[in-house]
């Protein structure tokens, strides 16, 4: 304690924190799926180390004396944002700290296509790609494919670390040379080097031979039980009158390409699903089912009261 004029007192307690850190984190950063486990090691290279600890609301480790390294582990990541801190205490009273960067991710529940306008040759039309519940969206890329060619890629300015839903819209001009072309979108998280991490999630795209049976599935669940209504290309009206179009599953003839629209409704609401059938070159028929796939598989969501596919 130093006595200064005018009866002012200054008290100095302890020592200033050292500006240099002699600790190392391994791995230096972590990418982990929500709910999964991970571990990291904190090592001090100083011979003056008194002890090491980890500060975190999840999996924190108290100061452990007489060690040069200390393991941090979480069995199940419970939050979308965590930043464990390793601290090293020296015998001279200094303390060194470093934050372990942790990115918590979640792959999308679904990636689906939605046609926003009728396709006519020479006119522009739009297709929307919906990515549902993905995190963190700031690392999300949506890629639009046409055959083996990437037509468009889009990234998103999103600060939230928790899951959000995003959409990307592709605008094209219809041309007869594109008849039967395969167009799809895929969602990927740019968190790993190429060829690492989980595979991208992509929308459904199916091509079938002319003359084979095509099944358009519009099954929905709701309470009350939904009713169905189908709309067809104009030139199929004669065929329609000879078939029951009030069922959720339709098997049209491959001779009738065009846009097939299914509407499922009950007293709680109405939802619509589109199927585009185009006669492709070389006697192939491309069927684009705008549904909700998950990792190349069909996913039928169940929601009480409201109707949903």
C-alpha atoms as a PDB file:
ATOM      1  CA  UNK A   1       0.000   0.000   0.000  1.00  0.00           C
ATOM      2  CA  UNK A   2       1.407   3.386  -1.039  1.00  0.00           C
ATOM      3  CA  UNK A   3       0.375   6.588   0.749  1.00  0.00           C
ATOM      4  CA  UNK A   4       0.107   9.508  -1.656  1.00  0.00           C
ATOM      5  CA  UNK A   5      -0.763  13.175  -1.140  1.00  0.00           C
ATOM      6  CA  UNK A   6      -4.391  14.150  -0.625  1.00  0.00           C
ATOM      7  CA  UNK A   7      -4.990  10.872   1.258  1.00  0.00           C
ATOM      8  CA  UNK A   8      -5.369   8.788  -1.922  1.00  0.00           C
ATOM      9  CA  UNK A   9      -4.705   5.074  -1.583  1.00  0.00           C
ATOM     10  CA  UNK A  10      -3.821   2.533  -4.298  1.00  0.00           C
ATOM     11  CA  UNK A  11      -3.833  -1.185  -3.514  1.00  0.00           C
ATOM     12  CA  UNK A  12      -2.218  -3.702  -5.892  1.00  0.00           C
ATOM     13  CA  UNK A  13      -3.347  -7.308  -5.480  1.00  0.00           C
ATOM     14  CA  UNK A  14      -1.768 -10.255  -7.287  1.00  0.00           C
ATOM     15  CA  UNK A  15       0.063 -10.060 -10.618  1.00  0.00           C
ATOM     16  CA  UNK A  16      -0.881  -9.069 -14.136  1.00  0.00           C
ATOM     17  CA  UNK A  17      -1.871 -11.873 -16.498  1.00  0.00           C
ATOM     18  CA  UNK A  18       0.933 -12.930 -18.815  1.00  0.00           C
ATOM     19  CA  UNK A  19       0.621 -11.787 -22.397  1.00  0.00           C
ATOM     20  CA  UNK A  20       2.136 -15.017 -23.761  1.00  0.00           C
ATOM     21  CA  UNK A  21       0.394 -18.398 -23.685  1.00  0.00           C
ATOM     22  CA  UNK A  22       2.302 -21.660 -23.463  1.00  0.00           C
ATOM     23  CA  UNK A  23      -0.728 -23.917 -23.897  1.00  0.00           C
ATOM     24  CA  UNK A  24      -1.924 -25.924 -26.903  1.00  0.00           C
ATOM     25  CA  UNK A  25      -5.400 -27.260 -27.740  1.00  0.00           C
ATOM     26  CA  UNK A  26      -5.815 -30.547 -29.572  1.00  0.00           C
ATOM     27  CA  UNK A  27      -7.759 -30.458 -31.804  1.00  0.00           C
ATOM     28  CA  UNK A  28      -7.478 -26.670 -32.253  1.00  0.00           C
ATOM     29  CA  UNK A  29     -11.163 -26.488 -33.331  1.00  0.00           C
ATOM     30  CA  UNK A  30     -14.162 -28.844 -33.130  1.00  0.00           C
ATOM     31  CA  UNK A  31     -17.073 -29.490 -35.509  1.00  0.00           C
ATOM     32  CA  UNK A  32     -19.711 -31.662 -33.841  1.00  0.00           C
ATOM     33  CA  UNK A  33     -23.288 -32.683 -34.573  1.00  0.00           C
ATOM     34  CA  UNK A  34     -25.891 -31.548 -32.062  1.00  0.00           C
ATOM     35  CA  UNK A  35     -26.349 -34.271 -29.437  1.00  0.00           C
ATOM     36  CA  UNK A  36     -23.057 -36.024 -30.228  1.00  0.00           C
ATOM     37  CA  UNK A  37     -19.969 -36.229 -28.016  1.00  0.00           C
ATOM     38  CA  UNK A  38     -16.529 -34.713 -28.425  1.00  0.00           C
ATOM     39  CA  UNK A  39     -13.319 -34.289 -26.467  1.00  0.00           C
ATOM     40  CA  UNK A  40     -10.270 -32.037 -26.570  1.00  0.00           C
ATOM     41  CA  UNK A  41      -6.959 -31.933 -24.747  1.00  0.00           C
ATOM     42  CA  UNK A  42      -5.257 -28.877 -23.262  1.00  0.00           C
ATOM     43  CA  UNK A  43      -1.476 -29.140 -22.873  1.00  0.00           C
ATOM     44  CA  UNK A  44       0.992 -26.734 -21.275  1.00  0.00           C
ATOM     45  CA  UNK A  45       4.612 -26.719 -22.433  1.00  0.00           C
ATOM     46  CA  UNK A  46       5.820 -24.598 -19.505  1.00  0.00           C
ATOM     47  CA  UNK A  47       7.889 -26.163 -16.720  1.00  0.00           C
ATOM     48  CA  UNK A  48       6.339 -23.621 -14.342  1.00  0.00           C
ATOM     49  CA  UNK A  49       2.822 -25.032 -14.672  1.00  0.00           C
ATOM     50  CA  UNK A  50       1.011 -25.310 -11.354  1.00  0.00           C
ATOM     51  CA  UNK A  51      -2.256 -26.728 -12.700  1.00  0.00           C
ATOM     52  CA  UNK A  52      -4.778 -26.802 -15.562  1.00  0.00           C
ATOM     53  CA  UNK A  53      -8.574 -26.492 -15.673  1.00  0.00           C
ATOM     54  CA  UNK A  54     -11.492 -26.138 -18.111  1.00  0.00           C
ATOM     55  CA  UNK A  55     -14.179 -23.497 -17.664  1.00  0.00           C
ATOM     56  CA  UNK A  56     -17.535 -24.430 -19.227  1.00  0.00           C
ATOM     57  CA  UNK A  57     -21.187 -24.720 -18.111  1.00  0.00           C
ATOM     58  CA  UNK A  58     -21.116 -28.174 -19.745  1.00  0.00           C
ATOM     59  CA  UNK A  59     -18.311 -30.577 -18.890  1.00  0.00           C
ATOM     60  CA  UNK A  60     -16.146 -28.076 -17.009  1.00  0.00           C
ATOM     61  CA  UNK A  61     -13.128 -29.462 -15.115  1.00  0.00           C
ATOM     62  CA  UNK A  62     -11.872 -27.925 -11.863  1.00  0.00           C
ATOM     63  CA  UNK A  63      -8.263 -26.828 -11.523  1.00  0.00           C
ATOM     64  CA  UNK A  64      -6.122 -29.953 -11.440  1.00  0.00           C
ATOM     65  CA  UNK A  65      -2.695 -29.522  -9.821  1.00  0.00           C
ATOM     66  CA  UNK A  66       0.523 -31.187 -10.949  1.00  0.00           C
ATOM     67  CA  UNK A  67      -0.522 -32.040 -14.520  1.00  0.00           C
ATOM     68  CA  UNK A  68       0.802 -30.834 -17.883  1.00  0.00           C
ATOM     69  CA  UNK A  69      -2.323 -31.768 -19.865  1.00  0.00           C
ATOM     70  CA  UNK A  70      -6.033 -32.101 -19.114  1.00  0.00           C
ATOM     71  CA  UNK A  71      -8.901 -33.668 -21.095  1.00  0.00           C
ATOM     72  CA  UNK A  72     -12.227 -31.920 -21.696  1.00  0.00           C
ATOM     73  CA  UNK A  73     -15.205 -34.081 -22.736  1.00  0.00           C
ATOM     74  CA  UNK A  74     -18.927 -33.647 -23.399  1.00  0.00           C
ATOM     75  CA  UNK A  75     -20.998 -36.825 -23.836  1.00  0.00           C
ATOM     76  CA  UNK A  76     -23.898 -35.085 -25.598  1.00  0.00           C
ATOM     77  CA  UNK A  77     -23.713 -31.500 -26.892  1.00  0.00           C
ATOM     78  CA  UNK A  78     -26.819 -29.793 -25.413  1.00  0.00           C
ATOM     79  CA  UNK A  79     -26.555 -26.291 -26.896  1.00  0.00           C
ATOM     80  CA  UNK A  80     -25.952 -24.662 -30.286  1.00  0.00           C
ATOM     81  CA  UNK A  81     -23.293 -22.310 -28.932  1.00  0.00           C
ATOM     82  CA  UNK A  82     -20.591 -23.409 -26.504  1.00  0.00           C
ATOM     83  CA  UNK A  83     -17.067 -22.101 -25.971  1.00  0.00           C
ATOM     84  CA  UNK A  84     -15.061 -24.063 -23.385  1.00  0.00           C
ATOM     85  CA  UNK A  85     -12.011 -22.227 -22.023  1.00  0.00           C
ATOM     86  CA  UNK A  86      -8.792 -23.915 -20.967  1.00  0.00           C
ATOM     87  CA  UNK A  87      -6.786 -22.085 -18.281  1.00  0.00           C
ATOM     88  CA  UNK A  88      -3.267 -22.768 -17.043  1.00  0.00           C
ATOM     89  CA  UNK A  89      -2.030 -21.439 -13.704  1.00  0.00           C
ATOM     90  CA  UNK A  90       1.703 -20.868 -13.249  1.00  0.00           C
ATOM     91  CA  UNK A  91       3.687 -21.078 -10.017  1.00  0.00           C
ATOM     92  CA  UNK A  92       4.474 -17.361 -10.218  1.00  0.00           C
ATOM     93  CA  UNK A  93       0.748 -16.497 -10.155  1.00  0.00           C
ATOM     94  CA  UNK A  94       0.218 -15.895 -13.866  1.00  0.00           C
ATOM     95  CA  UNK A  95      -2.765 -17.398 -15.661  1.00  0.00           C
ATOM     96  CA  UNK A  96      -3.003 -18.244 -19.356  1.00  0.00           C
ATOM     97  CA  UNK A  97      -6.343 -18.937 -21.104  1.00  0.00           C
ATOM     98  CA  UNK A  98      -7.537 -20.012 -24.549  1.00  0.00           C
ATOM     99  CA  UNK A  99     -11.026 -20.608 -25.981  1.00  0.00           C
ATOM    100  CA  UNK A 100     -11.721 -23.827 -27.908  1.00  0.00           C
ATOM    101  CA  UNK A 101     -13.773 -22.900 -31.036  1.00  0.00           C
ATOM    102  CA  UNK A 102     -16.739 -25.308 -31.295  1.00  0.00           C
ATOM    103  CA  UNK A 103     -19.171 -25.373 -34.237  1.00  0.00           C
ATOM    104  CA  UNK A 104     -22.388 -27.320 -33.587  1.00  0.00           C
ATOM    105  CA  UNK A 105     -24.182 -28.430 -36.745  1.00  0.00           C
ATOM    106  CA  UNK A 106     -27.373 -30.145 -37.902  1.00  0.00           C
ATOM    107  CA  UNK A 107     -28.045 -31.477 -41.399  1.00  0.00           C
ATOM    108  CA  UNK A 108     -31.394 -30.469 -42.984  1.00  0.00           C
ATOM    109  CA  UNK A 109     -34.564 -32.388 -42.169  1.00  0.00           C
ATOM    110  CA  UNK A 110     -35.485 -32.175 -45.847  1.00  0.00           C
ATOM    111  CA  UNK A 111     -34.574 -30.582 -49.164  1.00  0.00           C
ATOM    112  CA  UNK A 112     -37.497 -30.202 -51.550  1.00  0.00           C
ATOM    113  CA  UNK A 113     -38.367 -28.545 -54.858  1.00  0.00           C
ATOM    114  CA  UNK A 114     -41.415 -26.411 -55.459  1.00  0.00           C
ATOM    115  CA  UNK A 115     -42.486 -25.201 -58.900  1.00  0.00           C
ATOM    116  CA  UNK A 116     -43.574 -21.571 -58.756  1.00  0.00           C
ATOM    117  CA  UNK A 117     -45.035 -21.179 -62.249  1.00  0.00           C
ATOM    118  CA  UNK A 118     -46.288 -23.147 -65.255  1.00  0.00           C
ATOM    119  CA  UNK A 119     -43.552 -24.212 -67.663  1.00  0.00           C
ATOM    120  CA  UNK A 120     -44.103 -23.054 -71.247  1.00  0.00           C
ATOM    121  CA  UNK A 121     -41.521 -22.991 -74.023  1.00  0.00           C
ATOM    122  CA  UNK A 122     -39.834 -19.613 -74.466  1.00  0.00           C
ATOM    123  CA  UNK A 123     -41.043 -18.241 -71.148  1.00  0.00           C
ATOM    124  CA  UNK A 124     -39.286 -17.877 -67.831  1.00  0.00           C
ATOM    125  CA  UNK A 125     -40.230 -20.105 -64.941  1.00  0.00           C
ATOM    126  CA  UNK A 126     -39.023 -20.425 -61.380  1.00  0.00           C
ATOM    127  CA  UNK A 127     -38.252 -23.377 -59.130  1.00  0.00           C
ATOM    128  CA  UNK A 128     -37.814 -22.996 -55.393  1.00  0.00           C
ATOM    129  CA  UNK A 129     -35.534 -25.182 -53.270  1.00  0.00           C
ATOM    130  CA  UNK A 130     -36.612 -25.355 -49.618  1.00  0.00           C
ATOM    131  CA  UNK A 131     -34.054 -26.413 -46.999  1.00  0.00           C
ATOM    132  CA  UNK A 132     -35.707 -27.192 -43.666  1.00  0.00           C
ATOM    133  CA  UNK A 133     -34.059 -26.922 -40.231  1.00  0.00           C
ATOM    134  CA  UNK A 134     -30.339 -26.652 -40.897  1.00  0.00           C
ATOM    135  CA  UNK A 135     -27.571 -25.244 -38.687  1.00  0.00           C
ATOM    136  CA  UNK A 136     -25.498 -23.182 -38.806  1.00  0.00           C
ATOM    137  CA  UNK A 137     -27.010 -21.560 -41.916  1.00  0.00           C
ATOM    138  CA  UNK A 138     -24.065 -19.174 -42.310  1.00  0.00           C
ATOM    139  CA  UNK A 139     -22.109 -22.205 -43.549  1.00  0.00           C
ATOM    140  CA  UNK A 140     -24.918 -23.448 -45.843  1.00  0.00           C
ATOM    141  CA  UNK A 141     -24.559 -23.663 -49.621  1.00  0.00           C
ATOM    142  CA  UNK A 142     -27.402 -24.538 -51.994  1.00  0.00           C
ATOM    143  CA  UNK A 143     -26.229 -25.900 -55.355  1.00  0.00           C
ATOM    144  CA  UNK A 144     -28.500 -26.133 -58.404  1.00  0.00           C
ATOM    145  CA  UNK A 145     -27.676 -28.965 -60.826  1.00  0.00           C
ATOM    146  CA  UNK A 146     -28.713 -29.636 -64.389  1.00  0.00           C
ATOM    147  CA  UNK A 147     -27.291 -33.012 -65.294  1.00  0.00           C
ATOM    148  CA  UNK A 148     -23.577 -32.801 -64.435  1.00  0.00           C
ATOM    149  CA  UNK A 149     -23.517 -29.001 -64.621  1.00  0.00           C
ATOM    150  CA  UNK A 150     -23.849 -26.680 -61.607  1.00  0.00           C
ATOM    151  CA  UNK A 151     -26.124 -23.855 -62.728  1.00  0.00           C
ATOM    152  CA  UNK A 152     -26.138 -21.776 -59.565  1.00  0.00           C
ATOM    153  CA  UNK A 153     -24.808 -21.737 -56.014  1.00  0.00           C
ATOM    154  CA  UNK A 154     -26.075 -19.619 -53.144  1.00  0.00           C
ATOM    155  CA  UNK A 155     -24.850 -18.879 -49.630  1.00  0.00           C
ATOM    156  CA  UNK A 156     -26.741 -17.177 -46.826  1.00  0.00           C
ATOM    157  CA  UNK A 157     -26.108 -14.320 -44.413  1.00  0.00           C
ATOM    158  CA  UNK A 158     -27.454 -15.802 -41.194  1.00  0.00           C
ATOM    159  CA  UNK A 159     -26.132 -15.093 -37.695  1.00  0.00           C
ATOM    160  CA  UNK A 160     -28.238 -17.574 -35.715  1.00  0.00           C
ATOM    161  CA  UNK A 161     -26.320 -20.705 -34.631  1.00  0.00           C
ATOM    162  CA  UNK A 162     -29.557 -22.682 -34.125  1.00  0.00           C
ATOM    163  CA  UNK A 163     -31.566 -24.412 -36.917  1.00  0.00           C
ATOM    164  CA  UNK A 164     -33.412 -22.257 -39.449  1.00  0.00           C
ATOM    165  CA  UNK A 165     -35.097 -22.896 -42.808  1.00  0.00           C
ATOM    166  CA  UNK A 166     -33.810 -21.306 -46.020  1.00  0.00           C
ATOM    167  CA  UNK A 167     -35.012 -21.125 -49.640  1.00  0.00           C
ATOM    168  CA  UNK A 168     -33.245 -20.595 -52.948  1.00  0.00           C
ATOM    169  CA  UNK A 169     -35.014 -19.725 -56.219  1.00  0.00           C
ATOM    170  CA  UNK A 170     -33.732 -20.654 -59.677  1.00  0.00           C
ATOM    171  CA  UNK A 171     -35.162 -18.797 -62.691  1.00  0.00           C
ATOM    172  CA  UNK A 172     -34.886 -20.409 -66.139  1.00  0.00           C
ATOM    173  CA  UNK A 173     -36.192 -19.934 -69.661  1.00  0.00           C
ATOM    174  CA  UNK A 174     -37.927 -23.065 -70.949  1.00  0.00           C
ATOM    175  CA  UNK A 175     -36.465 -24.507 -74.155  1.00  0.00           C
ATOM    176  CA  UNK A 176     -37.407 -27.656 -76.026  1.00  0.00           C
ATOM    177  CA  UNK A 177     -33.776 -28.847 -75.943  1.00  0.00           C
ATOM    178  CA  UNK A 178     -34.115 -29.039 -72.155  1.00  0.00           C
ATOM    179  CA  UNK A 179     -37.084 -31.399 -72.398  1.00  0.00           C
ATOM    180  CA  UNK A 180     -36.351 -34.330 -70.111  1.00  0.00           C
ATOM    181  CA  UNK A 181     -33.348 -32.672 -68.458  1.00  0.00           C
ATOM    182  CA  UNK A 182     -32.784 -33.466 -64.806  1.00  0.00           C
ATOM    183  CA  UNK A 183     -32.724 -30.470 -62.479  1.00  0.00           C
ATOM    184  CA  UNK A 184     -32.257 -30.737 -58.753  1.00  0.00           C
ATOM    185  CA  UNK A 185     -30.821 -28.841 -55.794  1.00  0.00           C
ATOM    186  CA  UNK A 186     -28.594 -30.003 -52.976  1.00  0.00           C
ATOM    187  CA  UNK A 187     -27.774 -28.498 -49.598  1.00  0.00           C
ATOM    188  CA  UNK A 188     -24.336 -28.835 -48.018  1.00  0.00           C
ATOM    189  CA  UNK A 189     -22.582 -27.412 -44.982  1.00  0.00           C
ATOM    190  CA  UNK A 190     -19.117 -26.007 -45.675  1.00  0.00           C
ATOM    191  CA  UNK A 191     -17.525 -27.103 -42.413  1.00  0.00           C
ATOM    192  CA  UNK A 192     -15.068 -29.721 -43.610  1.00  0.00           C
ATOM    193  CA  UNK A 193     -12.415 -30.161 -46.297  1.00  0.00           C
ATOM    194  CA  UNK A 194     -13.600 -31.696 -49.575  1.00  0.00           C
ATOM    195  CA  UNK A 195     -14.631 -35.366 -49.370  1.00  0.00           C
ATOM    196  CA  UNK A 196     -15.055 -35.127 -45.584  1.00  0.00           C
ATOM    197  CA  UNK A 197     -18.141 -34.699 -43.437  1.00  0.00           C
ATOM    198  CA  UNK A 198     -21.674 -36.026 -44.051  1.00  0.00           C
ATOM    199  CA  UNK A 199     -22.960 -36.209 -47.653  1.00  0.00           C
ATOM    200  CA  UNK A 200     -25.089 -33.346 -49.013  1.00  0.00           C
ATOM    201  CA  UNK A 201     -28.870 -33.684 -48.856  1.00  0.00           C
ATOM    202  CA  UNK A 202     -30.482 -33.388 -52.309  1.00  0.00           C
ATOM    203  CA  UNK A 203     -33.947 -33.136 -53.757  1.00  0.00           C
ATOM    204  CA  UNK A 204     -35.596 -36.055 -55.558  1.00  0.00           C
ATOM    205  CA  UNK A 205     -35.192 -36.576 -59.300  1.00  0.00           C
ATOM    206  CA  UNK A 206     -36.508 -39.662 -61.088  1.00  0.00           C
ATOM    207  CA  UNK A 207     -36.357 -40.747 -64.730  1.00  0.00           C
ATOM    208  CA  UNK A 208     -38.540 -43.565 -66.098  1.00  0.00           C
ATOM    209  CA  UNK A 209     -38.977 -45.354 -69.427  1.00  0.00           C
ATOM    210  CA  UNK A 210     -41.973 -44.462 -71.600  1.00  0.00           C
ATOM    211  CA  UNK A 211     -44.782 -46.980 -71.223  1.00  0.00           C
ATOM    212  CA  UNK A 212     -43.909 -47.978 -67.672  1.00  0.00           C
ATOM    213  CA  UNK A 213     -46.347 -47.311 -64.853  1.00  0.00           C
ATOM    214  CA  UNK A 214     -45.885 -44.047 -62.985  1.00  0.00           C
ATOM    215  CA  UNK A 215     -47.251 -43.675 -59.478  1.00  0.00           C
ATOM    216  CA  UNK A 216     -47.891 -40.144 -58.207  1.00  0.00           C
ATOM    217  CA  UNK A 217     -48.211 -40.315 -54.421  1.00  0.00           C
ATOM    218  CA  UNK A 218     -50.096 -37.450 -52.767  1.00  0.00           C
ATOM    219  CA  UNK A 219     -50.772 -39.174 -49.450  1.00  0.00           C
ATOM    220  CA  UNK A 220     -51.376 -36.690 -46.622  1.00  0.00           C
ATOM    221  CA  UNK A 221     -52.429 -37.016 -43.007  1.00  0.00           C
ATOM    222  CA  UNK A 222     -54.707 -34.728 -41.046  1.00  0.00           C
ATOM    223  CA  UNK A 223     -57.607 -34.570 -38.664  1.00  0.00           C
ATOM    224  CA  UNK A 224     -60.276 -34.674 -40.065  1.00  0.00           C
ATOM    225  CA  UNK A 225     -59.101 -37.089 -42.764  1.00  0.00           C
ATOM    226  CA  UNK A 226     -58.259 -35.015 -45.866  1.00  0.00           C
ATOM    227  CA  UNK A 227     -59.980 -35.270 -49.224  1.00  0.00           C
ATOM    228  CA  UNK A 228     -58.088 -35.113 -52.537  1.00  0.00           C
ATOM    229  CA  UNK A 229     -58.515 -33.262 -55.790  1.00  0.00           C
ATOM    230  CA  UNK A 230     -56.337 -33.724 -58.887  1.00  0.00           C
ATOM    231  CA  UNK A 231     -55.868 -31.299 -61.777  1.00  0.00           C
ATOM    232  CA  UNK A 232     -54.391 -32.475 -65.077  1.00  0.00           C
ATOM    233  CA  UNK A 233     -53.023 -31.165 -68.369  1.00  0.00           C
ATOM    234  CA  UNK A 234     -55.940 -30.158 -70.625  1.00  0.00           C
ATOM    235  CA  UNK A 235     -55.507 -32.943 -73.146  1.00  0.00           C
ATOM    236  CA  UNK A 236     -55.932 -35.651 -70.492  1.00  0.00           C
ATOM    237  CA  UNK A 237     -59.530 -34.770 -69.625  1.00  0.00           C
ATOM    238  CA  UNK A 238     -60.959 -37.718 -71.595  1.00  0.00           C
ATOM    239  CA  UNK A 239     -58.635 -40.068 -69.725  1.00  0.00           C
ATOM    240  CA  UNK A 240     -59.588 -38.444 -66.409  1.00  0.00           C
ATOM    241  CA  UNK A 241     -63.315 -39.184 -66.786  1.00  0.00           C
ATOM    242  CA  UNK A 242     -62.595 -42.914 -66.840  1.00  0.00           C
ATOM    243  CA  UNK A 243     -60.476 -42.877 -63.660  1.00  0.00           C
ATOM    244  CA  UNK A 244     -61.138 -42.193 -59.986  1.00  0.00           C
ATOM    245  CA  UNK A 245     -59.294 -38.954 -59.194  1.00  0.00           C
ATOM    246  CA  UNK A 246     -60.342 -38.670 -55.546  1.00  0.00           C
ATOM    247  CA  UNK A 247     -57.652 -40.995 -54.218  1.00  0.00           C
ATOM    248  CA  UNK A 248     -54.212 -39.936 -52.922  1.00  0.00           C
ATOM    249  CA  UNK A 249     -52.293 -42.154 -55.365  1.00  0.00           C
ATOM    250  CA  UNK A 250     -52.651 -41.642 -59.116  1.00  0.00           C
ATOM    251  CA  UNK A 251     -51.244 -43.842 -61.889  1.00  0.00           C
ATOM    252  CA  UNK A 252     -51.466 -41.790 -65.093  1.00  0.00           C
ATOM    253  CA  UNK A 253     -50.484 -43.019 -68.522  1.00  0.00           C
ATOM    254  CA  UNK A 254     -46.963 -42.006 -69.541  1.00  0.00           C
ATOM    255  CA  UNK A 255     -48.496 -40.838 -72.828  1.00  0.00           C
ATOM    256  CA  UNK A 256     -49.776 -37.701 -71.093  1.00  0.00           C
ATOM    257  CA  UNK A 257     -46.900 -35.423 -69.989  1.00  0.00           C
ATOM    258  CA  UNK A 258     -47.584 -32.134 -68.218  1.00  0.00           C
ATOM    259  CA  UNK A 259     -48.166 -30.684 -64.764  1.00  0.00           C
ATOM    260  CA  UNK A 260     -50.312 -32.758 -62.392  1.00  0.00           C
ATOM    261  CA  UNK A 261     -51.536 -30.902 -59.304  1.00  0.00           C
ATOM    262  CA  UNK A 262     -52.849 -32.633 -56.184  1.00  0.00           C
ATOM    263  CA  UNK A 263     -54.680 -30.714 -53.462  1.00  0.00           C
ATOM    264  CA  UNK A 264     -55.337 -32.267 -50.051  1.00  0.00           C
ATOM    265  CA  UNK A 265     -57.737 -30.421 -47.791  1.00  0.00           C
ATOM    266  CA  UNK A 266     -59.841 -30.645 -44.667  1.00  0.00           C
ATOM    267  CA  UNK A 267     -61.584 -28.138 -42.411  1.00  0.00           C
ATOM    268  CA  UNK A 268     -58.228 -27.013 -41.018  1.00  0.00           C
ATOM    269  CA  UNK A 269     -56.539 -26.058 -44.264  1.00  0.00           C
ATOM    270  CA  UNK A 270     -55.310 -26.948 -47.738  1.00  0.00           C
ATOM    271  CA  UNK A 271     -51.912 -27.937 -49.148  1.00  0.00           C
ATOM    272  CA  UNK A 272     -50.824 -28.579 -52.740  1.00  0.00           C
ATOM    273  CA  UNK A 273     -48.204 -30.835 -54.326  1.00  0.00           C
ATOM    274  CA  UNK A 274     -46.982 -30.616 -57.926  1.00  0.00           C
ATOM    275  CA  UNK A 275     -45.803 -33.423 -60.227  1.00  0.00           C
ATOM    276  CA  UNK A 276     -44.235 -32.437 -63.567  1.00  0.00           C
ATOM    277  CA  UNK A 277     -44.082 -35.188 -66.217  1.00  0.00           C
ATOM    278  CA  UNK A 278     -42.113 -34.335 -69.358  1.00  0.00           C
ATOM    279  CA  UNK A 279     -41.536 -36.528 -72.376  1.00  0.00           C
ATOM    280  CA  UNK A 280     -37.781 -36.704 -72.688  1.00  0.00           C
ATOM    281  CA  UNK A 281     -35.631 -37.413 -75.781  1.00  0.00           C
ATOM    282  CA  UNK A 282     -34.678 -41.002 -76.633  1.00  0.00           C
ATOM    283  CA  UNK A 283     -38.061 -42.242 -75.429  1.00  0.00           C
ATOM    284  CA  UNK A 284     -37.516 -41.468 -71.808  1.00  0.00           C
ATOM    285  CA  UNK A 285     -39.970 -39.839 -69.461  1.00  0.00           C
ATOM    286  CA  UNK A 286     -38.700 -37.599 -66.698  1.00  0.00           C
ATOM    287  CA  UNK A 287     -40.854 -37.394 -63.589  1.00  0.00           C
ATOM    288  CA  UNK A 288     -40.026 -34.628 -61.124  1.00  0.00           C
ATOM    289  CA  UNK A 289     -41.709 -35.313 -57.797  1.00  0.00           C
ATOM    290  CA  UNK A 290     -41.739 -32.254 -55.599  1.00  0.00           C
ATOM    291  CA  UNK A 291     -41.904 -34.000 -52.234  1.00  0.00           C
ATOM    292  CA  UNK A 292     -39.889 -33.974 -49.029  1.00  0.00           C
ATOM    293  CA  UNK A 293     -37.008 -36.472 -49.263  1.00  0.00           C
ATOM    294  CA  UNK A 294     -34.431 -37.052 -46.572  1.00  0.00           C
ATOM    295  CA  UNK A 295     -31.063 -38.302 -47.754  1.00  0.00           C
ATOM    296  CA  UNK A 296     -32.484 -39.764 -50.971  1.00  0.00           C
ATOM    297  CA  UNK A 297     -35.460 -41.378 -49.194  1.00  0.00           C
ATOM    298  CA  UNK A 298     -39.122 -40.457 -48.971  1.00  0.00           C
ATOM    299  CA  UNK A 299     -40.298 -38.725 -45.813  1.00  0.00           C
ATOM    300  CA  UNK A 300     -44.003 -38.358 -45.068  1.00  0.00           C
ATOM    301  CA  UNK A 301     -44.636 -35.874 -42.269  1.00  0.00           C
ATOM    302  CA  UNK A 302     -47.582 -36.307 -39.912  1.00  0.00           C
ATOM    303  CA  UNK A 303     -49.250 -33.232 -38.445  1.00  0.00           C
ATOM    304  CA  UNK A 304     -52.494 -33.400 -36.507  1.00  0.00           C
ATOM    305  CA  UNK A 305     -55.326 -31.088 -37.509  1.00  0.00           C
ATOM    306  CA  UNK A 306     -53.574 -29.306 -40.377  1.00  0.00           C
ATOM    307  CA  UNK A 307     -53.085 -31.182 -43.629  1.00  0.00           C
ATOM    308  CA  UNK A 308     -49.520 -31.876 -44.693  1.00  0.00           C
ATOM    309  CA  UNK A 309     -47.802 -34.190 -47.152  1.00  0.00           C
END
